[in-house]
C-alpha atoms as a PDB file:
ATOM      1  CA  UNK A   1      -0.001   0.029  -0.012  1.00  0.00           C
ATOM      2  CA  UNK A   2       1.331   3.432  -0.929  1.00  0.00           C
ATOM      3  CA  UNK A   3      -0.077   6.325   1.108  1.00  0.00           C
ATOM      4  CA  UNK A   4       0.250  10.073   0.661  1.00  0.00           C
ATOM      5  CA  UNK A   5      -0.715  12.946   2.950  1.00  0.00           C
ATOM      6  CA  UNK A   6      -1.354  16.202   1.104  1.00  0.00           C
ATOM      7  CA  UNK A   7      -0.878  19.107   3.463  1.00  0.00           C
ATOM      8  CA  UNK A   8      -1.653  22.815   3.268  1.00  0.00           C
ATOM      9  CA  UNK A   9       0.359  24.882   5.758  1.00  0.00           C
ATOM     10  CA  UNK A  10      -1.584  28.079   6.383  1.00  0.00           C
ATOM     11  CA  UNK A  11      -4.741  26.980   8.164  1.00  0.00           C
ATOM     12  CA  UNK A  12      -4.118  23.321   9.114  1.00  0.00           C
ATOM     13  CA  UNK A  13      -0.627  23.664  10.631  1.00  0.00           C
ATOM     14  CA  UNK A  14      -0.462  27.453  11.117  1.00  0.00           C
ATOM     15  CA  UNK A  15      -4.008  28.464  12.154  1.00  0.00           C
ATOM     16  CA  UNK A  16      -5.281  31.948  11.477  1.00  0.00           C
ATOM     17  CA  UNK A  17      -5.548  32.635  15.186  1.00  0.00           C
ATOM     18  CA  UNK A  18      -1.755  32.434  15.420  1.00  0.00           C
ATOM     19  CA  UNK A  19      -1.540  35.555  13.300  1.00  0.00           C
ATOM     20  CA  UNK A  20      -2.571  37.536  16.433  1.00  0.00           C
ATOM     21  CA  UNK A  21       0.953  36.907  17.664  1.00  0.00           C
ATOM     22  CA  UNK A  22       3.066  39.944  16.827  1.00  0.00           C
ATOM     23  CA  UNK A  23       5.690  38.221  14.670  1.00  0.00           C
ATOM     24  CA  UNK A  24       6.562  37.995  11.014  1.00  0.00           C
ATOM     25  CA  UNK A  25       4.795  35.153   9.243  1.00  0.00           C
ATOM     26  CA  UNK A  26       8.032  33.135   8.921  1.00  0.00           C
ATOM     27  CA  UNK A  27       8.578  33.342  12.717  1.00  0.00           C
ATOM     28  CA  UNK A  28       5.067  32.286  13.743  1.00  0.00           C
ATOM     29  CA  UNK A  29       4.957  28.844  15.459  1.00  0.00           C
ATOM     30  CA  UNK A  30       2.973  25.963  14.045  1.00  0.00           C
ATOM     31  CA  UNK A  31       0.216  24.649  16.286  1.00  0.00           C
ATOM     32  CA  UNK A  32       1.997  21.970  18.369  1.00  0.00           C
ATOM     33  CA  UNK A  33      -1.121  19.790  18.686  1.00  0.00           C
ATOM     34  CA  UNK A  34      -1.647  19.922  14.885  1.00  0.00           C
ATOM     35  CA  UNK A  35       1.995  19.057  14.308  1.00  0.00           C
ATOM     36  CA  UNK A  36       1.807  16.095  16.757  1.00  0.00           C
ATOM     37  CA  UNK A  37      -1.338  14.704  15.075  1.00  0.00           C
ATOM     38  CA  UNK A  38       0.129  15.238  11.605  1.00  0.00           C
ATOM     39  CA  UNK A  39       3.291  13.383  12.635  1.00  0.00           C
ATOM     40  CA  UNK A  40       1.306  10.463  14.075  1.00  0.00           C
ATOM     41  CA  UNK A  41      -0.809  10.323  10.918  1.00  0.00           C
ATOM     42  CA  UNK A  42       2.188  10.217   8.557  1.00  0.00           C
ATOM     43  CA  UNK A  43       4.083   7.722  10.694  1.00  0.00           C
ATOM     44  CA  UNK A  44       1.054   5.475  11.320  1.00  0.00           C
ATOM     45  CA  UNK A  45       0.280   5.176   7.596  1.00  0.00           C
ATOM     46  CA  UNK A  46       3.965   5.012   6.585  1.00  0.00           C
ATOM     47  CA  UNK A  47       2.981   7.824   4.171  1.00  0.00           C
ATOM     48  CA  UNK A  48       4.879  10.241   2.044  1.00  0.00           C
ATOM     49  CA  UNK A  49       4.118  13.975   2.187  1.00  0.00           C
ATOM     50  CA  UNK A  50       2.979  16.125  -0.722  1.00  0.00           C
ATOM     51  CA  UNK A  51       2.761  19.869  -0.240  1.00  0.00           C
ATOM     52  CA  UNK A  52      -0.455  21.442  -1.536  1.00  0.00           C
ATOM     53  CA  UNK A  53       0.319  24.853  -0.079  1.00  0.00           C
ATOM     54  CA  UNK A  54       1.460  28.070  -1.789  1.00  0.00           C
ATOM     55  CA  UNK A  55       4.507  27.721   0.480  1.00  0.00           C
ATOM     56  CA  UNK A  56       5.730  25.330  -2.240  1.00  0.00           C
ATOM     57  CA  UNK A  57       6.825  28.413  -4.189  1.00  0.00           C
ATOM     58  CA  UNK A  58       9.685  28.702  -1.693  1.00  0.00           C
ATOM     59  CA  UNK A  59      11.228  25.546  -3.124  1.00  0.00           C
ATOM     60  CA  UNK A  60      11.699  22.030  -1.791  1.00  0.00           C
ATOM     61  CA  UNK A  61      14.771  22.701   0.381  1.00  0.00           C
ATOM     62  CA  UNK A  62      13.207  25.724   2.039  1.00  0.00           C
ATOM     63  CA  UNK A  63       9.935  23.909   2.713  1.00  0.00           C
ATOM     64  CA  UNK A  64      11.752  20.918   4.207  1.00  0.00           C
ATOM     65  CA  UNK A  65      13.748  23.266   6.483  1.00  0.00           C
ATOM     66  CA  UNK A  66      10.590  25.091   7.583  1.00  0.00           C
ATOM     67  CA  UNK A  67       8.694  21.897   8.342  1.00  0.00           C
ATOM     68  CA  UNK A  68      11.605  20.427  10.315  1.00  0.00           C
ATOM     69  CA  UNK A  69      12.098  23.663  12.196  1.00  0.00           C
ATOM     70  CA  UNK A  70       8.475  23.512  13.339  1.00  0.00           C
ATOM     71  CA  UNK A  71       8.578  19.868  14.487  1.00  0.00           C
ATOM     72  CA  UNK A  72       7.364  17.917  11.466  1.00  0.00           C
ATOM     73  CA  UNK A  73       9.128  14.608  11.521  1.00  0.00           C
ATOM     74  CA  UNK A  74      10.189  14.390   7.916  1.00  0.00           C
ATOM     75  CA  UNK A  75       8.860  11.358   6.311  1.00  0.00           C
ATOM     76  CA  UNK A  76      10.200  11.555   2.839  1.00  0.00           C
ATOM     77  CA  UNK A  77       8.574  14.055   0.639  1.00  0.00           C
ATOM     78  CA  UNK A  78       7.284  12.287  -2.454  1.00  0.00           C
ATOM     79  CA  UNK A  79       9.610  12.644  -5.429  1.00  0.00           C
ATOM     80  CA  UNK A  80       6.843  14.719  -7.007  1.00  0.00           C
ATOM     81  CA  UNK A  81       6.688  16.695  -3.769  1.00  0.00           C
ATOM     82  CA  UNK A  82       4.085  19.361  -4.580  1.00  0.00           C
ATOM     83  CA  UNK A  83       0.777  19.585  -6.349  1.00  0.00           C
ATOM     84  CA  UNK A  84       0.388  23.356  -5.880  1.00  0.00           C
ATOM     85  CA  UNK A  85      -0.767  25.162  -9.026  1.00  0.00           C
ATOM     86  CA  UNK A  86      -1.310  28.913  -8.748  1.00  0.00           C
ATOM     87  CA  UNK A  87      -4.865  29.850  -9.538  1.00  0.00           C
ATOM     88  CA  UNK A  88      -6.055  26.254  -9.450  1.00  0.00           C
ATOM     89  CA  UNK A  89      -8.449  24.934  -6.781  1.00  0.00           C
ATOM     90  CA  UNK A  90      -6.773  22.571  -4.341  1.00  0.00           C
ATOM     91  CA  UNK A  91      -9.165  19.685  -5.073  1.00  0.00           C
ATOM     92  CA  UNK A  92      -8.460  19.979  -8.806  1.00  0.00           C
ATOM     93  CA  UNK A  93      -4.656  20.168  -8.381  1.00  0.00           C
ATOM     94  CA  UNK A  94      -4.693  17.210  -6.004  1.00  0.00           C
ATOM     95  CA  UNK A  95      -6.956  15.237  -8.363  1.00  0.00           C
ATOM     96  CA  UNK A  96      -4.596  15.967 -11.260  1.00  0.00           C
ATOM     97  CA  UNK A  97      -1.621  14.863  -9.129  1.00  0.00           C
ATOM     98  CA  UNK A  98      -3.382  11.614  -8.220  1.00  0.00           C
ATOM     99  CA  UNK A  99      -4.143  10.834 -11.898  1.00  0.00           C
ATOM    100  CA  UNK A 100      -0.385  11.109 -12.599  1.00  0.00           C
ATOM    101  CA  UNK A 101       0.350   8.663  -9.727  1.00  0.00           C
ATOM    102  CA  UNK A 102      -1.820   5.559 -10.022  1.00  0.00           C
ATOM    103  CA  UNK A 103       0.510   3.790  -7.559  1.00  0.00           C
ATOM    104  CA  UNK A 104      -1.113   5.733  -4.695  1.00  0.00           C
ATOM    105  CA  UNK A 105      -3.627   3.492  -2.980  1.00  0.00           C
ATOM    106  CA  UNK A 106      -4.529   5.687   0.008  1.00  0.00           C
ATOM    107  CA  UNK A 107      -4.450   9.399   0.535  1.00  0.00           C
ATOM    108  CA  UNK A 108      -5.766  12.167   2.690  1.00  0.00           C
ATOM    109  CA  UNK A 109      -5.753  15.881   1.808  1.00  0.00           C
ATOM    110  CA  UNK A 110      -5.805  18.269   4.771  1.00  0.00           C
ATOM    111  CA  UNK A 111      -6.677  21.778   3.755  1.00  0.00           C
ATOM    112  CA  UNK A 112      -8.683  24.879   4.674  1.00  0.00           C
ATOM    113  CA  UNK A 113      -9.961  25.434   1.107  1.00  0.00           C
ATOM    114  CA  UNK A 114     -13.668  24.618   0.835  1.00  0.00           C
ATOM    115  CA  UNK A 115     -13.267  22.636  -2.384  1.00  0.00           C
ATOM    116  CA  UNK A 116     -11.270  20.002  -0.496  1.00  0.00           C
ATOM    117  CA  UNK A 117     -14.636  18.611   0.620  1.00  0.00           C
ATOM    118  CA  UNK A 118     -15.227  17.355  -2.918  1.00  0.00           C
ATOM    119  CA  UNK A 119     -12.426  14.817  -2.628  1.00  0.00           C
ATOM    120  CA  UNK A 120     -13.112  11.366  -1.109  1.00  0.00           C
ATOM    121  CA  UNK A 121      -9.948  11.774   0.975  1.00  0.00           C
ATOM    122  CA  UNK A 122     -10.482  15.467   1.684  1.00  0.00           C
ATOM    123  CA  UNK A 123     -10.421  16.761   5.279  1.00  0.00           C
ATOM    124  CA  UNK A 124     -11.483  20.351   5.699  1.00  0.00           C
ATOM    125  CA  UNK A 125     -10.100  22.511   8.505  1.00  0.00           C
ATOM    126  CA  UNK A 126     -11.266  26.027   9.340  1.00  0.00           C
ATOM    127  CA  UNK A 127      -8.471  28.506   8.659  1.00  0.00           C
ATOM    128  CA  UNK A 128      -8.799  30.125  12.087  1.00  0.00           C
ATOM    129  CA  UNK A 129      -8.804  26.832  14.045  1.00  0.00           C
ATOM    130  CA  UNK A 130      -6.371  24.621  12.202  1.00  0.00           C
ATOM    131  CA  UNK A 131      -6.191  20.789  12.199  1.00  0.00           C
ATOM    132  CA  UNK A 132      -8.276  19.599  15.148  1.00  0.00           C
ATOM    133  CA  UNK A 133      -8.790  16.166  16.742  1.00  0.00           C
ATOM    134  CA  UNK A 134     -12.078  15.442  14.940  1.00  0.00           C
ATOM    135  CA  UNK A 135     -10.408  16.099  11.630  1.00  0.00           C
ATOM    136  CA  UNK A 136      -7.434  13.913  12.649  1.00  0.00           C
ATOM    137  CA  UNK A 137      -9.863  11.040  13.308  1.00  0.00           C
ATOM    138  CA  UNK A 138     -11.398  11.497   9.824  1.00  0.00           C
ATOM    139  CA  UNK A 139      -7.892  11.624   8.291  1.00  0.00           C
ATOM    140  CA  UNK A 140      -6.951   8.374  10.039  1.00  0.00           C
ATOM    141  CA  UNK A 141     -10.041   6.680   8.576  1.00  0.00           C
ATOM    142  CA  UNK A 142      -9.121   7.957   5.107  1.00  0.00           C
ATOM    143  CA  UNK A 143      -5.785   6.157   5.500  1.00  0.00           C
ATOM    144  CA  UNK A 144      -7.348   2.994   6.868  1.00  0.00           C
ATOM    145  CA  UNK A 145      -5.877   3.510  10.345  1.00  0.00           C
ATOM    146  CA  UNK A 146      -7.586   2.400  13.567  1.00  0.00           C
ATOM    147  CA  UNK A 147      -9.346   5.001  15.668  1.00  0.00           C
ATOM    148  CA  UNK A 148      -7.309   6.692  18.393  1.00  0.00           C
ATOM    149  CA  UNK A 149      -8.435   6.544  21.989  1.00  0.00           C
ATOM    150  CA  UNK A 150     -10.886   9.240  22.956  1.00  0.00           C
ATOM    151  CA  UNK A 151      -9.468  12.710  23.417  1.00  0.00           C
ATOM    152  CA  UNK A 152     -11.920  13.294  26.272  1.00  0.00           C
ATOM    153  CA  UNK A 153     -10.079  14.438  29.362  1.00  0.00           C
ATOM    154  CA  UNK A 154     -10.660  12.379  32.521  1.00  0.00           C
ATOM    155  CA  UNK A 155     -13.494  13.890  34.452  1.00  0.00           C
ATOM    156  CA  UNK A 156     -13.174  14.988  38.062  1.00  0.00           C
ATOM    157  CA  UNK A 157     -15.376  13.181  40.574  1.00  0.00           C
ATOM    158  CA  UNK A 158     -18.637  14.951  41.206  1.00  0.00           C
ATOM    159  CA  UNK A 159     -20.270  15.253  44.608  1.00  0.00           C
ATOM    160  CA  UNK A 160     -22.536  12.336  43.523  1.00  0.00           C
ATOM    161  CA  UNK A 161     -19.431  10.085  43.168  1.00  0.00           C
ATOM    162  CA  UNK A 162     -18.166  10.595  46.759  1.00  0.00           C
ATOM    163  CA  UNK A 163     -19.067   7.127  47.906  1.00  0.00           C
ATOM    164  CA  UNK A 164     -17.761   5.541  44.741  1.00  0.00           C
ATOM    165  CA  UNK A 165     -14.358   7.178  44.948  1.00  0.00           C
ATOM    166  CA  UNK A 166     -14.122   7.355  48.759  1.00  0.00           C
ATOM    167  CA  UNK A 167     -13.932  11.174  48.647  1.00  0.00           C
ATOM    168  CA  UNK A 168     -14.426  12.894  51.979  1.00  0.00           C
ATOM    169  CA  UNK A 169     -16.546  16.023  52.510  1.00  0.00           C
ATOM    170  CA  UNK A 170     -14.377  19.121  52.690  1.00  0.00           C
END
């Protein structure tokens, strides 16, 4: 099985809310939770990465350096490492890339562009919020991976649980 993860950078990894930080764009941190989920996704699927972001215009070496600097564990970028086409919708450019690569059996495309929803493996993230846990679970299913354990935090005992947990009155 050959898997690919298409990733946009602005939005999924660098959410719009991070632009409130008073730094130049290149100095803004990526969302650490989004980075951790992305790394687990790529590693779990033994996938290659394809950049679907306008950041591809910086060139392969620069993009690799930026991703590594921000904590992306570099699985190999696919030899055909980007599908970005200026002025082309993301879903169309990803679709065109997939047609050129029939060896790809599984893929997920994580993006904040609305048209990504038209792809079977498309996972839409809101620009302001980035790549969240619910989208991570959808992305895992697109790649045929098992569901992660619940992201629900453990709940504190309520007053009704006092007897059950042997909690004393304060």
